[in-house]
Amino acid sequence: MDLREKIQILEGNSELSAAEKESVNTLCLAWDLPVMSNDKRRWLFERLLYHAVIGRAMRQIRKGLKDTMLWPLINQRPDAAPILFPQESSAVLIPESILDRINWPTMIDVGDDDDECSLEDKSRVTGYLRRFIQDASSDELKELVKFWVGWEATSSTLTVEVINGGLPKSSTCFETLRIPAHYQDYPTFKKELMACLSTNDTGFGLV
């Protein structure tokens, strides 16, 4: 019986066999926890789960920090911790960090292809997006990237597609932002893009 199975048998209220109790108790003693009893079964399940998942991960992290000499540095210089491990929300985004990663649509004339947007439309709306990125604040850029890829950290490549559609949308799995081709002025483009970005925490369907 592996570790996961030993912990999982404590979940629920079914009666354990003698072999199962012995297996659980052996694990408890190895981890300096009390042996199982009916009144502490749920508590013991949670403690074993915490120890197996979080506790072991924390010990591995501490070991890694010690082996790389980061732990002594952090103990001596606590002020260095935010520099070594910056929070995602505290990172400052600048336009260049996004623009340099974008794969823009190919600017070719597709002729009679009804499903493909015209070269003129692609050029116009990608220009609006470029302007938005250049003028946006760091917080607005974070919201854009979060809408684009699913979190506030930029990916190595960001893809832009120009489509026939109503509102801007994204495919976070493919790190692709899809911009509708119908926009004829920048203020309308910006207004509707900002409305879409505001759905990051609530779901796109509420635009």
C-alpha atoms as a PDB file:
ATOM      1  CA  MET A   1       0.000   0.000   0.000  1.00  0.00           C
ATOM      2  CA  ASP A   2       1.527   3.321  -1.046  1.00  0.00           C
ATOM      3  CA  LEU A   3       1.466   6.548   0.940  1.00  0.00           C
ATOM      4  CA  ARG A   4      -1.567   7.980  -0.829  1.00  0.00           C
ATOM      5  CA  GLU A   5      -3.617   4.846  -0.205  1.00  0.00           C
ATOM      6  CA  LYS A   6      -2.663   4.784   3.479  1.00  0.00           C
ATOM      7  CA  ILE A   7      -3.919   8.325   3.982  1.00  0.00           C
ATOM      8  CA  GLN A   8      -6.976   7.921   1.776  1.00  0.00           C
ATOM      9  CA  ILE A   9      -8.393   5.012   3.776  1.00  0.00           C
ATOM     10  CA  LEU A  10      -8.928   7.400   6.700  1.00  0.00           C
ATOM     11  CA  GLU A  11     -11.331   9.489   4.644  1.00  0.00           C
ATOM     12  CA  GLY A  12     -14.955   8.636   5.332  1.00  0.00           C
ATOM     13  CA  ASN A  13     -16.461   6.563   8.122  1.00  0.00           C
ATOM     14  CA  SER A  14     -16.100   2.989   6.895  1.00  0.00           C
ATOM     15  CA  GLU A  15     -14.641   0.466   9.328  1.00  0.00           C
ATOM     16  CA  LEU A  16     -10.965  -0.300   8.771  1.00  0.00           C
ATOM     17  CA  SER A  17      -9.547  -3.785   8.752  1.00  0.00           C
ATOM     18  CA  ALA A  18      -6.834  -4.773  11.219  1.00  0.00           C
ATOM     19  CA  ALA A  19      -4.240  -4.627   8.435  1.00  0.00           C
ATOM     20  CA  GLU A  20      -5.367  -1.128   7.417  1.00  0.00           C
ATOM     21  CA  LYS A  21      -5.224   0.124  11.020  1.00  0.00           C
ATOM     22  CA  GLU A  22      -1.748  -1.302  11.444  1.00  0.00           C
ATOM     23  CA  SER A  23      -0.598   0.356   8.225  1.00  0.00           C
ATOM     24  CA  VAL A  24      -1.990   3.744   9.294  1.00  0.00           C
ATOM     25  CA  ASN A  25      -0.583   3.470  12.818  1.00  0.00           C
ATOM     26  CA  THR A  26       2.867   2.596  11.472  1.00  0.00           C
ATOM     27  CA  LEU A  27       2.760   5.739   9.337  1.00  0.00           C
ATOM     28  CA  CYS A  28       1.561   7.847  12.282  1.00  0.00           C
ATOM     29  CA  LEU A  29       4.392   6.673  14.525  1.00  0.00           C
ATOM     30  CA  ALA A  30       6.934   7.308  11.770  1.00  0.00           C
ATOM     31  CA  TRP A  31       5.711  10.908  11.528  1.00  0.00           C
ATOM     32  CA  ASP A  32       5.446  11.454  15.323  1.00  0.00           C
ATOM     33  CA  LEU A  33       1.652  11.519  15.291  1.00  0.00           C
ATOM     34  CA  PRO A  34      -0.731   9.679  17.660  1.00  0.00           C
ATOM     35  CA  VAL A  35      -2.160   6.368  16.526  1.00  0.00           C
ATOM     36  CA  MET A  36      -5.649   6.271  15.088  1.00  0.00           C
ATOM     37  CA  SER A  37      -8.811   6.361  17.181  1.00  0.00           C
ATOM     38  CA  ASN A  38     -12.397   6.858  16.030  1.00  0.00           C
ATOM     39  CA  ASP A  39     -12.768  10.267  17.679  1.00  0.00           C
ATOM     40  CA  LYS A  40      -9.547  11.570  16.072  1.00  0.00           C
ATOM     41  CA  ARG A  41      -9.936   9.969  12.684  1.00  0.00           C
ATOM     42  CA  ARG A  42     -10.782  13.147  10.747  1.00  0.00           C
ATOM     43  CA  TRP A  43      -8.132  15.162  12.569  1.00  0.00           C
ATOM     44  CA  LEU A  44      -5.537  12.492  11.856  1.00  0.00           C
ATOM     45  CA  PHE A  45      -6.510  12.380   8.175  1.00  0.00           C
ATOM     46  CA  GLU A  46      -5.980  16.143   7.876  1.00  0.00           C
ATOM     47  CA  ARG A  47      -2.658  16.035   9.747  1.00  0.00           C
ATOM     48  CA  LEU A  48      -1.309  13.196   7.602  1.00  0.00           C
ATOM     49  CA  LEU A  49      -2.454  14.962   4.441  1.00  0.00           C
ATOM     50  CA  TYR A  50      -0.802  18.213   5.532  1.00  0.00           C
ATOM     51  CA  HIS A  51       2.407  16.400   6.431  1.00  0.00           C
ATOM     52  CA  ALA A  52       2.499  14.469   3.149  1.00  0.00           C
ATOM     53  CA  VAL A  53       1.699  17.373   0.834  1.00  0.00           C
ATOM     54  CA  ILE A  54       2.651  20.685   2.429  1.00  0.00           C
ATOM     55  CA  GLY A  55       5.078  19.648   5.156  1.00  0.00           C
ATOM     56  CA  ARG A  56       7.289  17.561   2.885  1.00  0.00           C
ATOM     57  CA  ALA A  57       7.260  20.248   0.190  1.00  0.00           C
ATOM     58  CA  MET A  58       8.319  22.878   2.731  1.00  0.00           C
ATOM     59  CA  ARG A  59      11.183  20.691   3.940  1.00  0.00           C
ATOM     60  CA  GLN A  60      12.339  20.148   0.372  1.00  0.00           C
ATOM     61  CA  ILE A  61      12.237  23.897  -0.257  1.00  0.00           C
ATOM     62  CA  ARG A  62      14.240  24.575   2.920  1.00  0.00           C
ATOM     63  CA  LYS A  63      16.793  21.930   1.930  1.00  0.00           C
ATOM     64  CA  GLY A  64      17.137  23.473  -1.504  1.00  0.00           C
ATOM     65  CA  LEU A  65      17.609  26.939  -0.010  1.00  0.00           C
ATOM     66  CA  LYS A  66      20.286  25.616   2.347  1.00  0.00           C
ATOM     67  CA  ASP A  67      22.095  23.657  -0.364  1.00  0.00           C
ATOM     68  CA  THR A  68      22.257  26.767  -2.564  1.00  0.00           C
ATOM     69  CA  MET A  69      23.285  28.962   0.402  1.00  0.00           C
ATOM     70  CA  LEU A  70      20.197  31.140  -0.017  1.00  0.00           C
ATOM     71  CA  TRP A  71      18.831  30.241   3.436  1.00  0.00           C
ATOM     72  CA  PRO A  72      21.831  31.701   5.346  1.00  0.00           C
ATOM     73  CA  LEU A  73      21.638  34.813   3.161  1.00  0.00           C
ATOM     74  CA  ILE A  74      17.933  35.311   3.907  1.00  0.00           C
ATOM     75  CA  ASN A  75      18.535  34.789   7.644  1.00  0.00           C
ATOM     76  CA  GLN A  76      21.288  37.394   7.627  1.00  0.00           C
ATOM     77  CA  ARG A  77      19.594  39.775   5.197  1.00  0.00           C
ATOM     78  CA  PRO A  78      15.774  39.476   5.427  1.00  0.00           C
ATOM     79  CA  ASP A  79      15.502  42.571   3.235  1.00  0.00           C
ATOM     80  CA  ALA A  80      16.939  40.530   0.351  1.00  0.00           C
ATOM     81  CA  ALA A  81      13.955  38.136   0.278  1.00  0.00           C
ATOM     82  CA  PRO A  82      11.646  40.395  -1.819  1.00  0.00           C
ATOM     83  CA  ILE A  83      14.458  40.826  -4.355  1.00  0.00           C
ATOM     84  CA  LEU A  84      15.201  37.103  -4.591  1.00  0.00           C
ATOM     85  CA  PHE A  85      11.527  36.093  -4.588  1.00  0.00           C
ATOM     86  CA  PRO A  86       9.454  38.987  -5.979  1.00  0.00           C
ATOM     87  CA  GLN A  87       5.696  38.651  -5.735  1.00  0.00           C
ATOM     88  CA  GLU A  88       3.972  38.371  -9.075  1.00  0.00           C
ATOM     89  CA  SER A  89       1.633  41.256  -8.184  1.00  0.00           C
ATOM     90  CA  SER A  90       4.553  43.557  -7.318  1.00  0.00           C
ATOM     91  CA  ALA A  91       6.310  43.164 -10.665  1.00  0.00           C
ATOM     92  CA  VAL A  92       6.275  46.281 -12.847  1.00  0.00           C
ATOM     93  CA  LEU A  93       5.308  45.755 -16.469  1.00  0.00           C
ATOM     94  CA  ILE A  94       6.468  48.146 -19.166  1.00  0.00           C
ATOM     95  CA  PRO A  95       5.212  48.331 -22.765  1.00  0.00           C
ATOM     96  CA  GLU A  96       8.473  47.016 -24.227  1.00  0.00           C
ATOM     97  CA  SER A  97       8.287  43.823 -22.138  1.00  0.00           C
ATOM     98  CA  ILE A  98       5.034  42.989 -23.931  1.00  0.00           C
ATOM     99  CA  LEU A  99       5.663  44.427 -27.395  1.00  0.00           C
ATOM    100  CA  ASP A 100       8.955  42.560 -27.752  1.00  0.00           C
ATOM    101  CA  ARG A 101       7.167  39.222 -27.207  1.00  0.00           C
ATOM    102  CA  ILE A 102       4.258  39.664 -29.604  1.00  0.00           C
ATOM    103  CA  ASN A 103       3.835  37.619 -32.762  1.00  0.00           C
ATOM    104  CA  TRP A 104       1.767  39.980 -34.888  1.00  0.00           C
ATOM    105  CA  PRO A 105      -0.548  38.815 -37.695  1.00  0.00           C
ATOM    106  CA  THR A 106       1.046  38.324 -41.086  1.00  0.00           C
ATOM    107  CA  MET A 107       0.366  41.382 -43.214  1.00  0.00           C
ATOM    108  CA  ILE A 108      -0.485  39.811 -46.559  1.00  0.00           C
ATOM    109  CA  ASP A 109      -3.401  40.351 -48.903  1.00  0.00           C
ATOM    110  CA  VAL A 110      -5.596  37.235 -48.933  1.00  0.00           C
ATOM    111  CA  GLY A 111      -7.748  38.273 -51.870  1.00  0.00           C
ATOM    112  CA  ASP A 112     -11.196  36.653 -51.937  1.00  0.00           C
ATOM    113  CA  ASP A 113     -10.902  34.647 -48.694  1.00  0.00           C
ATOM    114  CA  ASP A 114     -14.091  35.654 -46.841  1.00  0.00           C
ATOM    115  CA  ASP A 115     -12.875  34.206 -43.541  1.00  0.00           C
ATOM    116  CA  GLU A 116      -9.689  36.268 -43.511  1.00  0.00           C
ATOM    117  CA  CYS A 117      -9.673  39.921 -42.467  1.00  0.00           C
ATOM    118  CA  SER A 118      -8.371  42.487 -44.905  1.00  0.00           C
ATOM    119  CA  LEU A 119      -4.869  43.873 -44.739  1.00  0.00           C
ATOM    120  CA  GLU A 120      -6.329  47.311 -44.012  1.00  0.00           C
ATOM    121  CA  ASP A 121      -8.345  46.013 -41.035  1.00  0.00           C
ATOM    122  CA  LYS A 122      -5.374  44.110 -39.624  1.00  0.00           C
ATOM    123  CA  SER A 123      -3.133  47.143 -39.867  1.00  0.00           C
ATOM    124  CA  ARG A 124      -5.708  49.444 -38.239  1.00  0.00           C
ATOM    125  CA  VAL A 125      -6.687  47.321 -35.229  1.00  0.00           C
ATOM    126  CA  THR A 126      -3.170  46.071 -34.488  1.00  0.00           C
ATOM    127  CA  GLY A 127      -2.173  49.730 -34.490  1.00  0.00           C
ATOM    128  CA  TYR A 128      -4.880  50.366 -31.886  1.00  0.00           C
ATOM    129  CA  LEU A 129      -3.535  47.512 -29.747  1.00  0.00           C
ATOM    130  CA  ARG A 130       0.032  48.765 -30.036  1.00  0.00           C
ATOM    131  CA  ARG A 131      -1.117  52.247 -28.990  1.00  0.00           C
ATOM    132  CA  PHE A 132      -3.042  50.817 -26.034  1.00  0.00           C
ATOM    133  CA  ILE A 133       0.024  48.921 -24.825  1.00  0.00           C
ATOM    134  CA  GLN A 134       2.285  51.951 -25.239  1.00  0.00           C
ATOM    135  CA  ASP A 135      -0.083  54.263 -23.328  1.00  0.00           C
ATOM    136  CA  ALA A 136      -1.268  51.839 -20.608  1.00  0.00           C
ATOM    137  CA  SER A 137      -0.212  51.982 -16.971  1.00  0.00           C
ATOM    138  CA  SER A 138       1.613  49.061 -15.358  1.00  0.00           C
ATOM    139  CA  ASP A 139      -1.629  47.925 -13.684  1.00  0.00           C
ATOM    140  CA  GLU A 140      -3.509  48.054 -16.990  1.00  0.00           C
ATOM    141  CA  LEU A 141      -0.751  46.040 -18.650  1.00  0.00           C
ATOM    142  CA  LYS A 142      -1.027  43.420 -15.896  1.00  0.00           C
ATOM    143  CA  GLU A 143      -4.758  43.140 -16.545  1.00  0.00           C
ATOM    144  CA  LEU A 144      -4.098  42.807 -20.278  1.00  0.00           C
ATOM    145  CA  VAL A 145      -1.531  40.046 -19.784  1.00  0.00           C
ATOM    146  CA  LYS A 146      -3.811  38.276 -17.296  1.00  0.00           C
ATOM    147  CA  PHE A 147      -6.638  38.364 -19.846  1.00  0.00           C
ATOM    148  CA  TRP A 148      -4.212  37.198 -22.540  1.00  0.00           C
ATOM    149  CA  VAL A 149      -2.404  34.279 -20.852  1.00  0.00           C
ATOM    150  CA  GLY A 150      -4.277  33.658 -17.582  1.00  0.00           C
ATOM    151  CA  TRP A 151      -1.918  35.330 -15.093  1.00  0.00           C
ATOM    152  CA  GLU A 152       0.050  38.551 -14.726  1.00  0.00           C
ATOM    153  CA  ALA A 153       3.449  37.194 -15.808  1.00  0.00           C
ATOM    154  CA  THR A 154       4.257  37.530 -19.494  1.00  0.00           C
ATOM    155  CA  SER A 155       5.113  34.470 -21.559  1.00  0.00           C
ATOM    156  CA  SER A 156       8.074  34.212 -23.905  1.00  0.00           C
ATOM    157  CA  THR A 157       5.742  34.636 -26.886  1.00  0.00           C
ATOM    158  CA  LEU A 158       2.365  36.336 -27.169  1.00  0.00           C
ATOM    159  CA  THR A 159       0.218  35.889 -30.256  1.00  0.00           C
ATOM    160  CA  VAL A 160      -2.240  38.372 -31.758  1.00  0.00           C
ATOM    161  CA  GLU A 161      -4.927  37.399 -34.249  1.00  0.00           C
ATOM    162  CA  VAL A 162      -7.378  39.692 -36.036  1.00  0.00           C
ATOM    163  CA  ILE A 163     -10.782  38.063 -36.426  1.00  0.00           C
ATOM    164  CA  ASN A 164     -14.340  38.716 -37.501  1.00  0.00           C
ATOM    165  CA  GLY A 165     -16.163  39.004 -34.190  1.00  0.00           C
ATOM    166  CA  GLY A 166     -17.847  41.212 -31.642  1.00  0.00           C
ATOM    167  CA  LEU A 167     -15.481  41.731 -28.711  1.00  0.00           C
ATOM    168  CA  PRO A 168     -11.833  41.034 -27.934  1.00  0.00           C
ATOM    169  CA  LYS A 169     -11.290  37.557 -26.535  1.00  0.00           C
ATOM    170  CA  SER A 170      -8.416  35.298 -25.662  1.00  0.00           C
ATOM    171  CA  SER A 171      -7.292  31.706 -25.691  1.00  0.00           C
ATOM    172  CA  THR A 172      -5.114  31.532 -22.590  1.00  0.00           C
ATOM    173  CA  CYS A 173      -3.996  27.971 -23.327  1.00  0.00           C
ATOM    174  CA  PHE A 174      -2.475  29.136 -26.611  1.00  0.00           C
ATOM    175  CA  GLU A 175      -1.480  32.584 -25.258  1.00  0.00           C
ATOM    176  CA  THR A 176      -3.443  34.208 -28.069  1.00  0.00           C
ATOM    177  CA  LEU A 177      -5.333  37.503 -28.039  1.00  0.00           C
ATOM    178  CA  ARG A 178      -8.030  37.798 -30.702  1.00  0.00           C
ATOM    179  CA  ILE A 179      -8.971  41.322 -31.743  1.00  0.00           C
ATOM    180  CA  PRO A 180     -12.092  41.965 -33.873  1.00  0.00           C
ATOM    181  CA  ALA A 181     -11.472  43.737 -37.163  1.00  0.00           C
ATOM    182  CA  HIS A 182     -14.534  46.005 -37.065  1.00  0.00           C
ATOM    183  CA  TYR A 183     -13.101  48.833 -34.942  1.00  0.00           C
ATOM    184  CA  GLN A 184     -12.917  52.134 -36.806  1.00  0.00           C
ATOM    185  CA  ASP A 185     -11.686  54.425 -34.004  1.00  0.00           C
ATOM    186  CA  TYR A 186      -9.321  54.057 -31.065  1.00  0.00           C
ATOM    187  CA  PRO A 187     -11.647  55.304 -28.252  1.00  0.00           C
ATOM    188  CA  THR A 188     -14.211  52.579 -29.016  1.00  0.00           C
ATOM    189  CA  PHE A 189     -11.485  49.954 -29.236  1.00  0.00           C
ATOM    190  CA  LYS A 190     -10.004  51.001 -25.894  1.00  0.00           C
ATOM    191  CA  LYS A 191     -13.401  51.164 -24.172  1.00  0.00           C
ATOM    192  CA  GLU A 192     -14.409  47.660 -25.227  1.00  0.00           C
ATOM    193  CA  LEU A 193     -10.973  46.174 -24.532  1.00  0.00           C
ATOM    194  CA  MET A 194     -11.012  47.667 -21.015  1.00  0.00           C
ATOM    195  CA  ALA A 195     -14.504  46.220 -20.498  1.00  0.00           C
ATOM    196  CA  CYS A 196     -13.168  42.782 -21.403  1.00  0.00           C
ATOM    197  CA  LEU A 197     -10.155  43.166 -19.109  1.00  0.00           C
ATOM    198  CA  SER A 198     -12.492  43.963 -16.221  1.00  0.00           C
ATOM    199  CA  THR A 199     -13.915  40.428 -16.485  1.00  0.00           C
ATOM    200  CA  ASN A 200     -10.620  38.810 -15.403  1.00  0.00           C
ATOM    201  CA  ASP A 201     -11.953  38.040 -11.915  1.00  0.00           C
ATOM    202  CA  THR A 202     -15.567  37.350 -12.818  1.00  0.00           C
ATOM    203  CA  GLY A 203     -15.595  35.538 -16.148  1.00  0.00           C
ATOM    204  CA  PHE A 204     -15.802  36.749 -19.706  1.00  0.00           C
ATOM    205  CA  GLY A 205     -19.552  36.229 -19.982  1.00  0.00           C
ATOM    206  CA  LEU A 206     -20.304  39.300 -17.863  1.00  0.00           C
ATOM    207  CA  VAL A 207     -19.129  41.895 -20.398  1.00  0.00           C
END
